[in-house]
């Protein structure tokens, strides 16, 4: 399905990024997997690997220098790398917390998109990974929700810029996905969370991977500028437990 396609996945070492990388590799894409912290699971996927800090200009430049060294172009790019403090009270927000989160989630995503567009001379698909929290959040998540709202907005704007170039830009907005940073939180209860989700289960990283695969192929060739919510229906509920 993706044979011969050159694909970049950021934040590919674990969680959602790992699930996306696995699905794209199975579909035949040649992968460059970016990571901040290495993982054995990522190394099981055939492809290329590159470590970089995407909150730093030097890290972004180094990553796209590697793209140029390997291929000189991209067909598919998935911007998954992000950061979260978890829930923190609004009184605890300070300039440094804002800077760290915004540098990775907003600045990092934006400048990855811009670099990717420059490397898609034949068109391509850029897929950002946002969150349902762009629209619907809970107390304590102001910084994270703000950053994911920015990704939603930049996706729509860049789709307008990329359209005449044959570049599609879309955003996947996951809901509750069973990843390490969720399962290791104090009081994590998968059954209780699943009970609040209309489909009665948490999402898996591969659920996001399958959506990314759809957006990477010609099956979605007339879809751009969209935020696609993948959350088992939870965002459609009028009210839900905030825990």
C-alpha atoms as a PDB file:
ATOM      1  CA  UNK A   1       0.000   0.000   0.000  1.00  0.00           C
ATOM      2  CA  UNK A   2       2.856   2.388   0.845  1.00  0.00           C
ATOM      3  CA  UNK A   3       5.652   0.609  -0.981  1.00  0.00           C
ATOM      4  CA  UNK A   4       8.367   3.056  -2.016  1.00  0.00           C
ATOM      5  CA  UNK A   5       6.982   5.885   0.122  1.00  0.00           C
ATOM      6  CA  UNK A   6       9.375   7.748   2.405  1.00  0.00           C
ATOM      7  CA  UNK A   7       7.835   8.464   5.811  1.00  0.00           C
ATOM      8  CA  UNK A   8       8.985  10.354   8.893  1.00  0.00           C
ATOM      9  CA  UNK A   9       7.410   9.657  12.294  1.00  0.00           C
ATOM     10  CA  UNK A  10       8.440  11.831  15.237  1.00  0.00           C
ATOM     11  CA  UNK A  11       8.192  10.532  18.780  1.00  0.00           C
ATOM     12  CA  UNK A  12       8.225   6.968  17.457  1.00  0.00           C
ATOM     13  CA  UNK A  13       9.847   5.183  20.399  1.00  0.00           C
ATOM     14  CA  UNK A  14       6.724   4.392  22.393  1.00  0.00           C
ATOM     15  CA  UNK A  15       2.986   4.927  22.762  1.00  0.00           C
ATOM     16  CA  UNK A  16       1.032   6.433  19.878  1.00  0.00           C
ATOM     17  CA  UNK A  17       4.146   7.130  17.810  1.00  0.00           C
ATOM     18  CA  UNK A  18       5.255   3.513  18.078  1.00  0.00           C
ATOM     19  CA  UNK A  19       1.806   2.287  17.047  1.00  0.00           C
ATOM     20  CA  UNK A  20       1.846   4.581  14.015  1.00  0.00           C
ATOM     21  CA  UNK A  21       5.349   3.478  13.001  1.00  0.00           C
ATOM     22  CA  UNK A  22       4.371  -0.189  13.251  1.00  0.00           C
ATOM     23  CA  UNK A  23       1.294   0.250  11.045  1.00  0.00           C
ATOM     24  CA  UNK A  24       3.112   2.325   8.396  1.00  0.00           C
ATOM     25  CA  UNK A  25       5.986  -0.174   8.293  1.00  0.00           C
ATOM     26  CA  UNK A  26       3.565  -3.061   7.821  1.00  0.00           C
ATOM     27  CA  UNK A  27       2.030  -1.136   4.909  1.00  0.00           C
ATOM     28  CA  UNK A  28       5.434  -1.012   3.217  1.00  0.00           C
ATOM     29  CA  UNK A  29       6.661   2.528   3.945  1.00  0.00           C
ATOM     30  CA  UNK A  30      10.367   3.201   4.358  1.00  0.00           C
ATOM     31  CA  UNK A  31      10.618   4.856   7.747  1.00  0.00           C
ATOM     32  CA  UNK A  32      12.751   7.401   9.518  1.00  0.00           C
ATOM     33  CA  UNK A  33      11.817   7.126  13.185  1.00  0.00           C
ATOM     34  CA  UNK A  34      12.677  10.080  15.395  1.00  0.00           C
ATOM     35  CA  UNK A  35      13.017   9.572  19.133  1.00  0.00           C
ATOM     36  CA  UNK A  36      14.036  11.463  22.238  1.00  0.00           C
ATOM     37  CA  UNK A  37      14.482   8.360  24.415  1.00  0.00           C
ATOM     38  CA  UNK A  38      15.324   5.095  22.651  1.00  0.00           C
ATOM     39  CA  UNK A  39      13.268   1.909  23.007  1.00  0.00           C
ATOM     40  CA  UNK A  40      13.720  -1.758  22.167  1.00  0.00           C
ATOM     41  CA  UNK A  41      10.219  -1.902  20.652  1.00  0.00           C
ATOM     42  CA  UNK A  42      11.036   0.811  18.122  1.00  0.00           C
ATOM     43  CA  UNK A  43      14.276  -0.948  17.179  1.00  0.00           C
ATOM     44  CA  UNK A  44      12.266  -4.005  16.154  1.00  0.00           C
ATOM     45  CA  UNK A  45      10.790  -1.977  13.280  1.00  0.00           C
ATOM     46  CA  UNK A  46      12.864  -2.000  10.118  1.00  0.00           C
ATOM     47  CA  UNK A  47      13.965   1.475   9.148  1.00  0.00           C
ATOM     48  CA  UNK A  48      16.186   4.386  10.098  1.00  0.00           C
ATOM     49  CA  UNK A  49      16.415   5.985  13.549  1.00  0.00           C
ATOM     50  CA  UNK A  50      17.422   9.467  14.674  1.00  0.00           C
ATOM     51  CA  UNK A  51      17.626  11.087  18.108  1.00  0.00           C
ATOM     52  CA  UNK A  52      16.887  14.807  18.443  1.00  0.00           C
ATOM     53  CA  UNK A  53      15.395  17.338  20.849  1.00  0.00           C
ATOM     54  CA  UNK A  54      12.603  18.956  18.839  1.00  0.00           C
ATOM     55  CA  UNK A  55      12.138  21.851  21.263  1.00  0.00           C
ATOM     56  CA  UNK A  56      15.490  23.141  19.980  1.00  0.00           C
ATOM     57  CA  UNK A  57      16.217  24.678  16.595  1.00  0.00           C
ATOM     58  CA  UNK A  58      19.389  22.616  16.326  1.00  0.00           C
ATOM     59  CA  UNK A  59      17.444  19.403  16.876  1.00  0.00           C
ATOM     60  CA  UNK A  60      14.921  20.201  14.162  1.00  0.00           C
ATOM     61  CA  UNK A  61      17.664  21.179  11.727  1.00  0.00           C
ATOM     62  CA  UNK A  62      19.573  17.978  12.483  1.00  0.00           C
ATOM     63  CA  UNK A  63      16.490  15.811  11.927  1.00  0.00           C
ATOM     64  CA  UNK A  64      15.769  17.302   8.531  1.00  0.00           C
ATOM     65  CA  UNK A  65      19.444  17.144   7.656  1.00  0.00           C
ATOM     66  CA  UNK A  66      19.066  13.384   8.153  1.00  0.00           C
ATOM     67  CA  UNK A  67      15.996  13.367   5.883  1.00  0.00           C
ATOM     68  CA  UNK A  68      18.095  15.095   3.228  1.00  0.00           C
ATOM     69  CA  UNK A  69      20.974  12.671   3.713  1.00  0.00           C
ATOM     70  CA  UNK A  70      18.719   9.618   3.369  1.00  0.00           C
ATOM     71  CA  UNK A  71      16.251  10.637   0.703  1.00  0.00           C
ATOM     72  CA  UNK A  72      16.183  14.335  -0.099  1.00  0.00           C
ATOM     73  CA  UNK A  73      12.373  14.238   0.015  1.00  0.00           C
ATOM     74  CA  UNK A  74       9.363  13.000   1.967  1.00  0.00           C
ATOM     75  CA  UNK A  75       6.028  11.535   0.956  1.00  0.00           C
ATOM     76  CA  UNK A  76       4.509  11.173   4.435  1.00  0.00           C
ATOM     77  CA  UNK A  77       5.228  12.869   7.753  1.00  0.00           C
ATOM     78  CA  UNK A  78       3.596  12.220  11.116  1.00  0.00           C
ATOM     79  CA  UNK A  79       4.263  14.821  13.812  1.00  0.00           C
ATOM     80  CA  UNK A  80       3.603  12.954  17.018  1.00  0.00           C
ATOM     81  CA  UNK A  81       6.350  14.176  19.362  1.00  0.00           C
ATOM     82  CA  UNK A  82       4.865  16.124  22.265  1.00  0.00           C
ATOM     83  CA  UNK A  83       5.145  16.850  25.965  1.00  0.00           C
ATOM     84  CA  UNK A  84       2.715  16.902  28.858  1.00  0.00           C
ATOM     85  CA  UNK A  85       3.079  17.746  32.538  1.00  0.00           C
ATOM     86  CA  UNK A  86      -0.095  15.837  33.262  1.00  0.00           C
ATOM     87  CA  UNK A  87      -2.696  17.683  35.246  1.00  0.00           C
ATOM     88  CA  UNK A  88      -1.405  20.742  37.094  1.00  0.00           C
ATOM     89  CA  UNK A  89      -3.484  23.434  38.848  1.00  0.00           C
ATOM     90  CA  UNK A  90      -3.695  26.779  37.101  1.00  0.00           C
ATOM     91  CA  UNK A  91      -1.933  28.429  40.055  1.00  0.00           C
ATOM     92  CA  UNK A  92       1.172  26.358  39.260  1.00  0.00           C
ATOM     93  CA  UNK A  93       1.507  27.539  35.663  1.00  0.00           C
ATOM     94  CA  UNK A  94       4.578  29.727  35.222  1.00  0.00           C
ATOM     95  CA  UNK A  95       6.631  31.041  32.312  1.00  0.00           C
ATOM     96  CA  UNK A  96       9.060  28.131  32.343  1.00  0.00           C
ATOM     97  CA  UNK A  97       6.328  25.476  32.260  1.00  0.00           C
ATOM     98  CA  UNK A  98       4.641  27.360  29.433  1.00  0.00           C
ATOM     99  CA  UNK A  99       7.896  27.695  27.504  1.00  0.00           C
ATOM    100  CA  UNK A 100       8.848  24.033  27.735  1.00  0.00           C
ATOM    101  CA  UNK A 101       5.456  22.731  26.664  1.00  0.00           C
ATOM    102  CA  UNK A 102       4.912  25.327  23.934  1.00  0.00           C
ATOM    103  CA  UNK A 103       8.416  24.837  22.510  1.00  0.00           C
ATOM    104  CA  UNK A 104       7.785  21.127  21.967  1.00  0.00           C
ATOM    105  CA  UNK A 105       4.072  20.921  21.194  1.00  0.00           C
ATOM    106  CA  UNK A 106       3.540  24.157  19.244  1.00  0.00           C
ATOM    107  CA  UNK A 107       6.906  25.411  18.003  1.00  0.00           C
ATOM    108  CA  UNK A 108       8.233  21.907  17.353  1.00  0.00           C
ATOM    109  CA  UNK A 109       5.154  20.810  15.437  1.00  0.00           C
ATOM    110  CA  UNK A 110       5.020  24.008  13.384  1.00  0.00           C
ATOM    111  CA  UNK A 111       8.639  23.948  12.289  1.00  0.00           C
ATOM    112  CA  UNK A 112       8.491  20.238  11.535  1.00  0.00           C
ATOM    113  CA  UNK A 113       5.494  20.939   9.274  1.00  0.00           C
ATOM    114  CA  UNK A 114       7.308  23.768   7.502  1.00  0.00           C
ATOM    115  CA  UNK A 115      10.387  21.645   6.908  1.00  0.00           C
ATOM    116  CA  UNK A 116       8.280  18.749   5.692  1.00  0.00           C
ATOM    117  CA  UNK A 117       6.406  20.894   3.198  1.00  0.00           C
ATOM    118  CA  UNK A 118       9.726  22.042   1.717  1.00  0.00           C
ATOM    119  CA  UNK A 119      10.636  18.410   1.154  1.00  0.00           C
ATOM    120  CA  UNK A 120       7.456  17.332  -0.642  1.00  0.00           C
ATOM    121  CA  UNK A 121       8.082  18.477  -4.238  1.00  0.00           C
ATOM    122  CA  UNK A 122       5.694  15.846  -5.562  1.00  0.00           C
ATOM    123  CA  UNK A 123       3.011  16.464  -2.940  1.00  0.00           C
ATOM    124  CA  UNK A 124       2.454  14.405   0.153  1.00  0.00           C
ATOM    125  CA  UNK A 125       0.572  13.922   3.387  1.00  0.00           C
ATOM    126  CA  UNK A 126       1.395  15.593   6.701  1.00  0.00           C
ATOM    127  CA  UNK A 127      -0.393  14.183   9.725  1.00  0.00           C
ATOM    128  CA  UNK A 128      -0.280  16.011  13.042  1.00  0.00           C
ATOM    129  CA  UNK A 129      -1.242  14.344  16.306  1.00  0.00           C
ATOM    130  CA  UNK A 130      -3.376  16.583  18.466  1.00  0.00           C
ATOM    131  CA  UNK A 131      -5.938  15.646  21.112  1.00  0.00           C
ATOM    132  CA  UNK A 132      -9.658  15.837  21.834  1.00  0.00           C
ATOM    133  CA  UNK A 133      -8.542  18.374  24.434  1.00  0.00           C
ATOM    134  CA  UNK A 134      -8.391  20.938  21.627  1.00  0.00           C
ATOM    135  CA  UNK A 135     -12.174  21.165  22.165  1.00  0.00           C
ATOM    136  CA  UNK A 136     -13.055  19.462  25.414  1.00  0.00           C
ATOM    137  CA  UNK A 137     -10.768  19.323  28.420  1.00  0.00           C
ATOM    138  CA  UNK A 138     -10.840  18.974  32.201  1.00  0.00           C
ATOM    139  CA  UNK A 139      -9.481  21.133  35.054  1.00  0.00           C
ATOM    140  CA  UNK A 140      -5.716  21.110  35.325  1.00  0.00           C
ATOM    141  CA  UNK A 141      -4.957  20.709  31.629  1.00  0.00           C
ATOM    142  CA  UNK A 142      -4.891  24.330  30.438  1.00  0.00           C
ATOM    143  CA  UNK A 143      -1.376  24.233  28.966  1.00  0.00           C
ATOM    144  CA  UNK A 144      -1.868  20.940  27.179  1.00  0.00           C
ATOM    145  CA  UNK A 145      -5.309  21.864  25.826  1.00  0.00           C
ATOM    146  CA  UNK A 146      -3.927  25.202  24.600  1.00  0.00           C
ATOM    147  CA  UNK A 147      -1.117  23.465  22.716  1.00  0.00           C
ATOM    148  CA  UNK A 148      -3.432  20.974  21.051  1.00  0.00           C
ATOM    149  CA  UNK A 149      -5.785  23.776  20.042  1.00  0.00           C
ATOM    150  CA  UNK A 150      -2.817  25.453  18.355  1.00  0.00           C
ATOM    151  CA  UNK A 151      -2.076  22.264  16.412  1.00  0.00           C
ATOM    152  CA  UNK A 152      -5.701  22.146  15.238  1.00  0.00           C
ATOM    153  CA  UNK A 153      -5.457  25.741  14.001  1.00  0.00           C
ATOM    154  CA  UNK A 154      -2.069  25.413  12.317  1.00  0.00           C
ATOM    155  CA  UNK A 155      -3.251  22.249  10.558  1.00  0.00           C
ATOM    156  CA  UNK A 156      -6.129  24.123   8.931  1.00  0.00           C
ATOM    157  CA  UNK A 157      -3.963  27.074   7.919  1.00  0.00           C
ATOM    158  CA  UNK A 158      -1.148  24.951   6.494  1.00  0.00           C
ATOM    159  CA  UNK A 159      -3.664  22.901   4.508  1.00  0.00           C
ATOM    160  CA  UNK A 160      -4.549  26.096   2.652  1.00  0.00           C
ATOM    161  CA  UNK A 161      -0.882  26.782   1.968  1.00  0.00           C
ATOM    162  CA  UNK A 162      -0.106  23.216   0.950  1.00  0.00           C
ATOM    163  CA  UNK A 163      -3.162  22.504  -1.174  1.00  0.00           C
ATOM    164  CA  UNK A 164      -1.887  24.090  -4.420  1.00  0.00           C
ATOM    165  CA  UNK A 165       1.340  22.099  -3.954  1.00  0.00           C
ATOM    166  CA  UNK A 166      -0.480  18.787  -3.645  1.00  0.00           C
ATOM    167  CA  UNK A 167       0.304  18.602   0.070  1.00  0.00           C
ATOM    168  CA  UNK A 168      -2.464  17.522   2.406  1.00  0.00           C
ATOM    169  CA  UNK A 169      -2.290  18.448   6.099  1.00  0.00           C
ATOM    170  CA  UNK A 170      -4.570  16.802   8.642  1.00  0.00           C
ATOM    171  CA  UNK A 171      -4.753  16.357  12.400  1.00  0.00           C
ATOM    172  CA  UNK A 172      -5.689  13.240  14.372  1.00  0.00           C
ATOM    173  CA  UNK A 173      -7.214  14.061  17.761  1.00  0.00           C
ATOM    174  CA  UNK A 174      -6.975  10.993  20.034  1.00  0.00           C
ATOM    175  CA  UNK A 175      -9.026  10.516  23.161  1.00  0.00           C
ATOM    176  CA  UNK A 176      -8.128   8.051  25.921  1.00  0.00           C
ATOM    177  CA  UNK A 177      -5.340   5.921  24.447  1.00  0.00           C
ATOM    178  CA  UNK A 178      -3.728   3.284  26.667  1.00  0.00           C
ATOM    179  CA  UNK A 179      -0.122   4.447  26.712  1.00  0.00           C
ATOM    180  CA  UNK A 180       2.560   4.383  29.391  1.00  0.00           C
ATOM    181  CA  UNK A 181       2.184   7.960  30.559  1.00  0.00           C
ATOM    182  CA  UNK A 182      -1.507   7.272  31.223  1.00  0.00           C
ATOM    183  CA  UNK A 183      -1.194   3.822  32.787  1.00  0.00           C
ATOM    184  CA  UNK A 184       1.539   4.940  35.197  1.00  0.00           C
ATOM    185  CA  UNK A 185      -0.488   7.811  36.650  1.00  0.00           C
ATOM    186  CA  UNK A 186      -1.542   7.330  40.282  1.00  0.00           C
ATOM    187  CA  UNK A 187      -5.025   5.856  40.508  1.00  0.00           C
ATOM    188  CA  UNK A 188      -5.203   4.725  36.876  1.00  0.00           C
ATOM    189  CA  UNK A 189      -8.267   2.480  36.442  1.00  0.00           C
ATOM    190  CA  UNK A 190      -8.767   1.209  32.899  1.00  0.00           C
ATOM    191  CA  UNK A 191     -12.168  -0.310  33.647  1.00  0.00           C
ATOM    192  CA  UNK A 192     -13.538   2.902  35.148  1.00  0.00           C
ATOM    193  CA  UNK A 193     -12.297   4.978  32.208  1.00  0.00           C
ATOM    194  CA  UNK A 194     -13.713   2.483  29.702  1.00  0.00           C
ATOM    195  CA  UNK A 195     -17.121   2.668  31.380  1.00  0.00           C
ATOM    196  CA  UNK A 196     -17.277   6.379  30.524  1.00  0.00           C
ATOM    197  CA  UNK A 197     -16.452   5.776  26.838  1.00  0.00           C
ATOM    198  CA  UNK A 198     -19.394   4.940  24.534  1.00  0.00           C
ATOM    199  CA  UNK A 199     -17.485   2.059  22.894  1.00  0.00           C
ATOM    200  CA  UNK A 200     -16.575   0.795  26.371  1.00  0.00           C
ATOM    201  CA  UNK A 201     -12.848   0.461  25.823  1.00  0.00           C
ATOM    202  CA  UNK A 202      -9.733   2.565  25.833  1.00  0.00           C
ATOM    203  CA  UNK A 203      -8.048   3.187  22.525  1.00  0.00           C
ATOM    204  CA  UNK A 204      -4.848   1.423  21.518  1.00  0.00           C
ATOM    205  CA  UNK A 205      -1.888   3.059  19.745  1.00  0.00           C
ATOM    206  CA  UNK A 206      -2.705   0.987  16.665  1.00  0.00           C
ATOM    207  CA  UNK A 207      -6.141   2.645  16.492  1.00  0.00           C
ATOM    208  CA  UNK A 208      -4.326   5.913  15.811  1.00  0.00           C
ATOM    209  CA  UNK A 209      -1.905   4.119  13.503  1.00  0.00           C
ATOM    210  CA  UNK A 210      -4.732   2.829  11.313  1.00  0.00           C
ATOM    211  CA  UNK A 211      -6.184   6.324  11.020  1.00  0.00           C
ATOM    212  CA  UNK A 212      -2.748   7.678  10.102  1.00  0.00           C
ATOM    213  CA  UNK A 213      -2.431   4.981   7.445  1.00  0.00           C
ATOM    214  CA  UNK A 214      -5.744   6.060   5.914  1.00  0.00           C
ATOM    215  CA  UNK A 215      -4.596   9.698   5.833  1.00  0.00           C
ATOM    216  CA  UNK A 216      -1.271   8.665   4.299  1.00  0.00           C
ATOM    217  CA  UNK A 217      -2.840   6.864   1.333  1.00  0.00           C
ATOM    218  CA  UNK A 218      -4.709   7.914  -1.781  1.00  0.00           C
ATOM    219  CA  UNK A 219      -7.917   6.656  -0.144  1.00  0.00           C
ATOM    220  CA  UNK A 220      -8.003  10.039   1.631  1.00  0.00           C
ATOM    221  CA  UNK A 221      -6.848  12.097  -1.361  1.00  0.00           C
ATOM    222  CA  UNK A 222      -9.677  14.651  -1.035  1.00  0.00           C
ATOM    223  CA  UNK A 223      -9.300  15.163   2.726  1.00  0.00           C
ATOM    224  CA  UNK A 224      -7.211  18.059   4.010  1.00  0.00           C
ATOM    225  CA  UNK A 225      -7.355  20.661   6.766  1.00  0.00           C
ATOM    226  CA  UNK A 226      -9.348  18.353   9.015  1.00  0.00           C
ATOM    227  CA  UNK A 227      -9.099  17.292  12.648  1.00  0.00           C
ATOM    228  CA  UNK A 228     -10.309  13.697  12.882  1.00  0.00           C
ATOM    229  CA  UNK A 229     -11.357  12.668  16.386  1.00  0.00           C
ATOM    230  CA  UNK A 230     -10.498   9.083  17.347  1.00  0.00           C
ATOM    231  CA  UNK A 231     -11.873   8.641  20.847  1.00  0.00           C
ATOM    232  CA  UNK A 232     -14.534   5.928  20.991  1.00  0.00           C
ATOM    233  CA  UNK A 233     -17.198   8.630  21.083  1.00  0.00           C
ATOM    234  CA  UNK A 234     -16.290  10.197  24.417  1.00  0.00           C
ATOM    235  CA  UNK A 235     -16.084  13.773  23.111  1.00  0.00           C
ATOM    236  CA  UNK A 236     -19.749  13.576  22.069  1.00  0.00           C
ATOM    237  CA  UNK A 237     -20.934  13.187  25.659  1.00  0.00           C
ATOM    238  CA  UNK A 238     -22.493  16.250  27.271  1.00  0.00           C
ATOM    239  CA  UNK A 239     -20.653  15.706  30.524  1.00  0.00           C
ATOM    240  CA  UNK A 240     -18.246  13.137  31.925  1.00  0.00           C
ATOM    241  CA  UNK A 241     -16.214  12.437  34.997  1.00  0.00           C
ATOM    242  CA  UNK A 242     -13.119  14.632  34.861  1.00  0.00           C
ATOM    243  CA  UNK A 243     -10.912  12.040  36.527  1.00  0.00           C
END
